[in-house]
Amino acid sequence: MKYQSILILLSFSCQSSLKNEPKKFDEKIVDFIIENSSNKYLELENLYDSLPHKILNDVNEKLILVQILKTKGFTVINWGRGNHPLGPRIVSITLKNAECECEVDKIYYSTDALPEEIYKITERIKCKKASR
């Protein structure tokens, strides 16, 4: 509930800067998760402009939140993917910088609400203080 309130506040906040381009909503969310480092997932829908008809292979797989973390100095330290027998397909990437470790998952859902072979995609992120 706390995160929902913060997300609502973030979505309605309007910061203007003459020198810098305003941060995108996705980047604000990543900053919030890093700053709080509560090791709790926050799942984001509607990051992608279109729904895929197939799941990409590893070489072509891109995660929006991972790209944002990389611009903030994070490096990939681990990755994996898997299928849940009665659930979604998940691609998981772990990134780290000096202070923080984050896990980002890209989740492919197939649902009855969508035609066959079209997947809903979400990404979720959680961060914790890095162990030294």
N, C-alpha and C. Protein backbone atom coordinates (compact mmCIF):
# COMPACT_ATOMS: atom_id res chain seq x y z
N MET A 1 0.83 -1.18 0.00
CA MET A 1 0.00 0.00 0.00
C MET A 1 0.88 1.25 0.00
N LYS A 2 1.97 1.20 0.77
CA LYS A 2 2.89 2.33 0.84
C LYS A 2 3.45 2.65 -0.54
N TYR A 3 3.83 1.59 -1.29
CA TYR A 3 4.41 1.78 -2.61
C TYR A 3 3.38 2.34 -3.59
N GLN A 4 2.12 1.89 -3.46
CA GLN A 4 1.09 2.41 -4.35
C GLN A 4 0.92 3.90 -4.15
N SER A 5 0.93 4.34 -2.90
CA SER A 5 0.80 5.77 -2.62
C SER A 5 1.95 6.56 -3.22
N ILE A 6 3.15 6.02 -3.08
CA ILE A 6 4.33 6.70 -3.61
C ILE A 6 4.27 6.73 -5.13
N LEU A 7 3.82 5.62 -5.74
CA LEU A 7 3.71 5.59 -7.20
C LEU A 7 2.71 6.62 -7.70
N ILE A 8 1.62 6.77 -6.98
CA ILE A 8 0.63 7.78 -7.36
C ILE A 8 1.24 9.17 -7.26
N LEU A 9 1.97 9.42 -6.17
CA LEU A 9 2.61 10.73 -6.02
C LEU A 9 3.63 10.98 -7.13
N LEU A 10 4.42 9.94 -7.44
CA LEU A 10 5.41 10.09 -8.49
C LEU A 10 4.76 10.35 -9.84
N SER A 11 3.65 9.69 -10.10
CA SER A 11 3.01 9.84 -11.40
C SER A 11 2.38 11.22 -11.58
N PHE A 12 2.02 11.88 -10.49
CA PHE A 12 1.42 13.20 -10.59
C PHE A 12 2.41 14.34 -10.34
N SER A 13 3.63 14.00 -9.97
CA SER A 13 4.60 15.06 -9.72
C SER A 13 5.10 15.60 -11.06
N CYS A 14 5.25 16.89 -11.11
CA CYS A 14 5.74 17.54 -12.34
C CYS A 14 6.95 18.38 -11.97
N GLN A 15 8.11 17.89 -12.34
CA GLN A 15 9.32 18.64 -12.09
C GLN A 15 9.82 19.14 -13.43
N SER A 16 10.11 20.41 -13.50
CA SER A 16 10.66 20.93 -14.74
C SER A 16 12.07 21.44 -14.49
N SER A 17 12.91 21.16 -15.43
CA SER A 17 14.28 21.60 -15.34
C SER A 17 14.67 22.20 -16.68
N LEU A 18 15.23 23.38 -16.65
CA LEU A 18 15.63 24.02 -17.89
C LEU A 18 16.93 23.44 -18.43
N LYS A 19 17.79 22.95 -17.56
CA LYS A 19 19.10 22.47 -17.98
C LYS A 19 19.05 21.01 -18.42
N ASN A 20 18.35 20.17 -17.67
CA ASN A 20 18.33 18.74 -17.94
C ASN A 20 16.96 18.30 -18.44
N GLU A 21 16.98 17.26 -19.24
CA GLU A 21 15.72 16.67 -19.66
C GLU A 21 15.08 15.99 -18.45
N PRO A 22 13.78 16.13 -18.28
CA PRO A 22 13.14 15.52 -17.11
C PRO A 22 13.31 14.00 -17.12
N LYS A 23 13.41 13.42 -15.93
CA LYS A 23 13.53 11.98 -15.82
C LYS A 23 12.23 11.33 -16.25
N LYS A 24 12.36 10.19 -16.90
CA LYS A 24 11.19 9.43 -17.28
C LYS A 24 10.65 8.71 -16.05
N PHE A 25 9.39 8.35 -16.12
CA PHE A 25 8.74 7.68 -15.00
C PHE A 25 9.49 6.41 -14.61
N ASP A 26 9.90 5.61 -15.60
CA ASP A 26 10.60 4.35 -15.31
C ASP A 26 11.89 4.61 -14.53
N GLU A 27 12.60 5.67 -14.90
CA GLU A 27 13.84 6.01 -14.20
C GLU A 27 13.57 6.48 -12.77
N LYS A 28 12.48 7.21 -12.57
CA LYS A 28 12.10 7.63 -11.22
C LYS A 28 11.80 6.43 -10.34
N ILE A 29 11.15 5.43 -10.90
CA ILE A 29 10.84 4.21 -10.15
C ILE A 29 12.13 3.50 -9.75
N VAL A 30 13.05 3.37 -10.69
CA VAL A 30 14.33 2.72 -10.39
C VAL A 30 15.07 3.49 -9.29
N ASP A 31 15.11 4.81 -9.38
CA ASP A 31 15.74 5.63 -8.34
C ASP A 31 15.10 5.38 -6.98
N PHE A 32 13.78 5.31 -6.96
CA PHE A 32 13.04 5.07 -5.71
C PHE A 32 13.41 3.71 -5.11
N ILE A 33 13.45 2.68 -5.94
CA ILE A 33 13.78 1.33 -5.46
C ILE A 33 15.21 1.27 -4.94
N ILE A 34 16.14 1.89 -5.64
CA ILE A 34 17.54 1.92 -5.20
C ILE A 34 17.65 2.66 -3.87
N GLU A 35 17.02 3.80 -3.78
CA GLU A 35 17.09 4.63 -2.58
C GLU A 35 16.55 3.90 -1.36
N ASN A 36 15.47 3.16 -1.52
CA ASN A 36 14.85 2.47 -0.39
C ASN A 36 15.47 1.11 -0.11
N SER A 37 15.97 0.42 -1.11
CA SER A 37 16.64 -0.88 -0.96
C SER A 37 15.97 -1.78 0.07
N SER A 38 14.67 -1.97 -0.07
CA SER A 38 13.91 -2.74 0.92
C SER A 38 13.83 -4.22 0.59
N ASN A 39 14.44 -4.66 -0.52
CA ASN A 39 14.43 -6.05 -0.93
C ASN A 39 13.01 -6.57 -1.17
N LYS A 40 12.12 -5.68 -1.60
CA LYS A 40 10.74 -6.05 -1.94
C LYS A 40 10.52 -5.74 -3.41
N TYR A 41 9.82 -6.66 -4.09
CA TYR A 41 9.56 -6.48 -5.51
C TYR A 41 8.53 -5.39 -5.78
N LEU A 42 8.76 -4.68 -6.86
CA LEU A 42 7.78 -3.76 -7.42
C LEU A 42 7.65 -4.15 -8.89
N GLU A 43 6.44 -4.56 -9.29
CA GLU A 43 6.21 -5.03 -10.66
C GLU A 43 5.55 -3.93 -11.48
N LEU A 44 6.10 -3.71 -12.68
CA LEU A 44 5.62 -2.65 -13.56
C LEU A 44 5.02 -3.24 -14.83
N GLU A 45 3.81 -2.82 -15.14
CA GLU A 45 3.15 -3.22 -16.37
C GLU A 45 3.30 -2.10 -17.40
N ASN A 46 2.96 -2.41 -18.62
CA ASN A 46 2.90 -1.43 -19.71
C ASN A 46 4.22 -0.73 -20.00
N LEU A 47 5.33 -1.41 -19.78
CA LEU A 47 6.63 -0.84 -20.14
C LEU A 47 6.88 -0.95 -21.65
N TYR A 48 6.26 -1.94 -22.26
CA TYR A 48 6.52 -2.22 -23.67
C TYR A 48 5.38 -1.70 -24.54
N ASP A 49 5.73 -1.19 -25.71
CA ASP A 49 4.75 -0.60 -26.61
C ASP A 49 3.83 -1.63 -27.27
N SER A 50 4.31 -2.86 -27.43
CA SER A 50 3.50 -3.88 -28.09
C SER A 50 3.67 -5.22 -27.38
N LEU A 51 2.74 -6.11 -27.63
CA LEU A 51 2.79 -7.45 -27.04
C LEU A 51 3.44 -8.41 -28.03
N PRO A 52 4.39 -9.24 -27.57
CA PRO A 52 5.09 -10.13 -28.49
C PRO A 52 4.28 -11.39 -28.82
N HIS A 53 4.55 -11.93 -30.01
CA HIS A 53 3.93 -13.19 -30.42
C HIS A 53 4.82 -14.38 -30.08
N LYS A 54 6.05 -14.10 -29.69
CA LYS A 54 6.96 -15.18 -29.29
C LYS A 54 7.92 -14.65 -28.23
N ILE A 55 8.53 -15.58 -27.52
CA ILE A 55 9.51 -15.23 -26.50
C ILE A 55 10.88 -15.16 -27.18
N LEU A 56 11.58 -14.07 -26.96
CA LEU A 56 12.87 -13.85 -27.60
C LEU A 56 13.93 -14.82 -27.10
N ASN A 57 14.94 -15.09 -27.95
CA ASN A 57 16.06 -15.90 -27.48
C ASN A 57 16.99 -15.02 -26.64
N ASP A 58 17.92 -15.65 -25.95
CA ASP A 58 18.77 -14.94 -24.98
C ASP A 58 19.57 -13.79 -25.60
N VAL A 59 20.04 -13.95 -26.81
CA VAL A 59 20.87 -12.93 -27.45
C VAL A 59 20.08 -11.63 -27.66
N ASN A 60 18.80 -11.74 -27.98
CA ASN A 60 17.98 -10.57 -28.30
C ASN A 60 17.18 -10.04 -27.12
N GLU A 61 17.27 -10.69 -25.98
CA GLU A 61 16.47 -10.31 -24.81
C GLU A 61 16.97 -9.00 -24.22
N LYS A 62 16.11 -8.02 -24.10
CA LYS A 62 16.45 -6.73 -23.50
C LYS A 62 15.43 -6.42 -22.41
N LEU A 63 15.90 -5.94 -21.28
CA LEU A 63 15.03 -5.54 -20.18
C LEU A 63 15.19 -4.05 -19.97
N ILE A 64 14.09 -3.34 -19.98
CA ILE A 64 14.11 -1.88 -19.86
C ILE A 64 14.76 -1.44 -18.55
N LEU A 65 14.38 -2.07 -17.44
CA LEU A 65 14.91 -1.66 -16.14
C LEU A 65 16.40 -1.97 -16.02
N VAL A 66 16.86 -3.04 -16.67
CA VAL A 66 18.30 -3.36 -16.68
C VAL A 66 19.06 -2.26 -17.42
N GLN A 67 18.53 -1.80 -18.53
CA GLN A 67 19.19 -0.73 -19.29
C GLN A 67 19.31 0.54 -18.45
N ILE A 68 18.27 0.85 -17.67
CA ILE A 68 18.32 2.02 -16.79
C ILE A 68 19.39 1.84 -15.72
N LEU A 69 19.45 0.65 -15.11
CA LEU A 69 20.46 0.39 -14.08
C LEU A 69 21.87 0.50 -14.66
N LYS A 70 22.08 0.02 -15.86
CA LYS A 70 23.40 0.11 -16.48
C LYS A 70 23.84 1.56 -16.65
N THR A 71 22.90 2.45 -16.97
CA THR A 71 23.26 3.87 -17.11
C THR A 71 23.63 4.49 -15.77
N LYS A 72 23.25 3.82 -14.68
CA LYS A 72 23.56 4.30 -13.33
C LYS A 72 24.79 3.61 -12.75
N GLY A 73 25.55 2.91 -13.58
CA GLY A 73 26.81 2.31 -13.14
C GLY A 73 26.71 0.88 -12.65
N PHE A 74 25.58 0.23 -12.80
CA PHE A 74 25.43 -1.16 -12.38
C PHE A 74 25.99 -2.08 -13.46
N THR A 75 26.52 -3.23 -13.03
CA THR A 75 27.00 -4.24 -13.97
C THR A 75 26.29 -5.55 -13.68
N VAL A 76 26.11 -6.34 -14.73
CA VAL A 76 25.44 -7.64 -14.60
C VAL A 76 26.39 -8.62 -13.93
N ILE A 77 25.91 -9.30 -12.88
CA ILE A 77 26.73 -10.30 -12.20
C ILE A 77 26.15 -11.71 -12.33
N ASN A 78 24.88 -11.82 -12.76
CA ASN A 78 24.26 -13.13 -12.90
C ASN A 78 23.00 -12.99 -13.74
N TRP A 79 22.62 -14.06 -14.41
CA TRP A 79 21.36 -14.07 -15.15
C TRP A 79 20.88 -15.50 -15.30
N GLY A 80 19.62 -15.63 -15.57
CA GLY A 80 19.03 -16.94 -15.80
C GLY A 80 17.64 -16.79 -16.38
N ARG A 81 17.07 -17.91 -16.79
CA ARG A 81 15.70 -17.91 -17.27
C ARG A 81 15.08 -19.25 -16.95
N GLY A 82 13.77 -19.25 -16.87
CA GLY A 82 13.09 -20.49 -16.54
C GLY A 82 11.62 -20.44 -16.85
N ASN A 83 11.03 -21.61 -16.90
CA ASN A 83 9.60 -21.75 -17.11
C ASN A 83 8.97 -22.34 -15.87
N HIS A 84 7.85 -21.80 -15.48
CA HIS A 84 7.06 -22.43 -14.43
C HIS A 84 6.03 -23.30 -15.14
N PRO A 85 5.86 -24.57 -14.73
CA PRO A 85 4.99 -25.49 -15.45
C PRO A 85 3.57 -24.95 -15.70
N LEU A 86 2.99 -24.31 -14.74
CA LEU A 86 1.64 -23.77 -14.91
C LEU A 86 1.63 -22.26 -14.79
N GLY A 87 2.77 -21.65 -15.04
CA GLY A 87 2.87 -20.21 -14.85
C GLY A 87 3.68 -19.55 -15.94
N PRO A 88 4.23 -18.40 -15.62
CA PRO A 88 4.91 -17.58 -16.63
C PRO A 88 6.33 -18.04 -16.93
N ARG A 89 6.87 -17.49 -18.00
CA ARG A 89 8.28 -17.62 -18.33
C ARG A 89 8.98 -16.41 -17.72
N ILE A 90 10.12 -16.62 -17.05
CA ILE A 90 10.81 -15.53 -16.36
C ILE A 90 12.27 -15.46 -16.82
N VAL A 91 12.71 -14.25 -17.12
CA VAL A 91 14.12 -13.96 -17.37
C VAL A 91 14.58 -13.12 -16.18
N SER A 92 15.65 -13.55 -15.51
CA SER A 92 16.10 -12.87 -14.30
C SER A 92 17.55 -12.42 -14.45
N ILE A 93 17.81 -11.15 -14.12
CA ILE A 93 19.15 -10.59 -14.21
C ILE A 93 19.48 -9.90 -12.89
N THR A 94 20.66 -10.19 -12.35
CA THR A 94 21.13 -9.56 -11.13
C THR A 94 22.25 -8.59 -11.49
N LEU A 95 22.15 -7.37 -10.96
CA LEU A 95 23.14 -6.33 -11.22
C LEU A 95 23.64 -5.78 -9.89
N LYS A 96 24.84 -5.20 -9.92
CA LYS A 96 25.43 -4.69 -8.67
C LYS A 96 26.27 -3.46 -8.96
N ASN A 97 26.27 -2.54 -7.99
CA ASN A 97 27.26 -1.46 -7.96
C ASN A 97 27.89 -1.48 -6.57
N ALA A 98 28.62 -0.46 -6.19
CA ALA A 98 29.34 -0.47 -4.91
C ALA A 98 28.40 -0.53 -3.70
N GLU A 99 27.24 0.08 -3.80
CA GLU A 99 26.34 0.17 -2.64
C GLU A 99 25.13 -0.74 -2.69
N CYS A 100 24.77 -1.24 -3.85
CA CYS A 100 23.45 -1.85 -4.01
C CYS A 100 23.50 -3.04 -4.97
N GLU A 101 22.64 -4.02 -4.71
CA GLU A 101 22.46 -5.15 -5.60
C GLU A 101 20.98 -5.23 -5.97
N CYS A 102 20.70 -5.32 -7.26
CA CYS A 102 19.31 -5.33 -7.73
C CYS A 102 19.04 -6.57 -8.57
N GLU A 103 17.83 -7.08 -8.46
CA GLU A 103 17.37 -8.18 -9.29
C GLU A 103 16.20 -7.68 -10.13
N VAL A 104 16.29 -7.91 -11.43
CA VAL A 104 15.23 -7.51 -12.36
C VAL A 104 14.74 -8.76 -13.06
N ASP A 105 13.42 -8.94 -13.08
CA ASP A 105 12.81 -10.06 -13.76
C ASP A 105 11.90 -9.55 -14.87
N LYS A 106 11.99 -10.16 -16.02
CA LYS A 106 11.04 -9.92 -17.11
C LYS A 106 10.14 -11.14 -17.15
N ILE A 107 8.83 -10.91 -17.05
CA ILE A 107 7.89 -12.00 -16.92
C ILE A 107 6.95 -12.01 -18.13
N TYR A 108 6.90 -13.16 -18.80
CA TYR A 108 5.99 -13.36 -19.93
C TYR A 108 4.78 -14.14 -19.44
N TYR A 109 3.62 -13.51 -19.45
CA TYR A 109 2.38 -14.17 -19.04
C TYR A 109 1.56 -14.50 -20.28
N SER A 110 0.99 -15.70 -20.30
CA SER A 110 -0.04 -15.97 -21.30
C SER A 110 -1.35 -16.06 -20.53
N THR A 111 -2.36 -15.38 -21.01
CA THR A 111 -3.64 -15.34 -20.29
C THR A 111 -4.79 -15.63 -21.24
N ASP A 112 -5.92 -16.00 -20.67
CA ASP A 112 -7.12 -16.24 -21.47
C ASP A 112 -7.64 -14.95 -22.10
N ALA A 113 -7.28 -13.82 -21.51
CA ALA A 113 -7.75 -12.53 -22.02
C ALA A 113 -7.06 -12.15 -23.33
N LEU A 114 -5.93 -12.77 -23.62
CA LEU A 114 -5.19 -12.47 -24.85
C LEU A 114 -5.31 -13.64 -25.82
N PRO A 115 -5.29 -13.37 -27.12
CA PRO A 115 -5.31 -14.47 -28.09
C PRO A 115 -4.09 -15.38 -27.89
N GLU A 116 -4.21 -16.61 -28.36
CA GLU A 116 -3.11 -17.56 -28.22
C GLU A 116 -1.83 -17.00 -28.83
N GLU A 117 -0.72 -17.35 -28.22
CA GLU A 117 0.60 -16.95 -28.69
C GLU A 117 0.87 -15.45 -28.62
N ILE A 118 0.14 -14.75 -27.80
CA ILE A 118 0.48 -13.36 -27.51
C ILE A 118 0.70 -13.28 -26.01
N TYR A 119 1.80 -12.68 -25.61
CA TYR A 119 2.19 -12.65 -24.20
C TYR A 119 2.07 -11.24 -23.62
N LYS A 120 1.61 -11.18 -22.40
CA LYS A 120 1.67 -9.94 -21.63
C LYS A 120 3.04 -9.93 -20.96
N ILE A 121 3.71 -8.78 -20.98
CA ILE A 121 5.05 -8.69 -20.38
C ILE A 121 5.03 -7.66 -19.26
N THR A 122 5.65 -8.04 -18.14
CA THR A 122 5.90 -7.09 -17.06
C THR A 122 7.37 -7.20 -16.67
N GLU A 123 7.85 -6.21 -15.96
CA GLU A 123 9.16 -6.30 -15.33
C GLU A 123 8.99 -5.97 -13.87
N ARG A 124 9.75 -6.66 -13.05
CA ARG A 124 9.74 -6.35 -11.62
C ARG A 124 11.17 -6.16 -11.17
N ILE A 125 11.31 -5.38 -10.10
CA ILE A 125 12.64 -5.04 -9.60
C ILE A 125 12.62 -5.02 -8.09
N LYS A 126 13.73 -5.47 -7.51
CA LYS A 126 13.96 -5.30 -6.07
C LYS A 126 15.45 -5.06 -5.88
N CYS A 127 15.77 -4.26 -4.88
CA CYS A 127 17.17 -3.94 -4.58
C CYS A 127 17.42 -4.08 -3.09
N LYS A 128 18.66 -4.39 -2.75
CA LYS A 128 19.08 -4.45 -1.35
C LYS A 128 20.48 -3.88 -1.25
N LYS A 129 20.83 -3.48 -0.05
CA LYS A 129 22.18 -2.97 0.18
C LYS A 129 23.18 -4.07 -0.14
N ALA A 130 24.25 -3.72 -0.83
CA ALA A 130 25.25 -4.70 -1.24
C ALA A 130 26.02 -5.23 -0.05
N SER A 131 26.27 -6.54 -0.07
CA SER A 131 27.12 -7.13 0.97
C SER A 131 28.56 -6.87 0.59
N ARG A 132 29.35 -6.60 1.56
CA ARG A 132 30.75 -6.22 1.28
C ARG A 132 31.68 -7.34 1.56
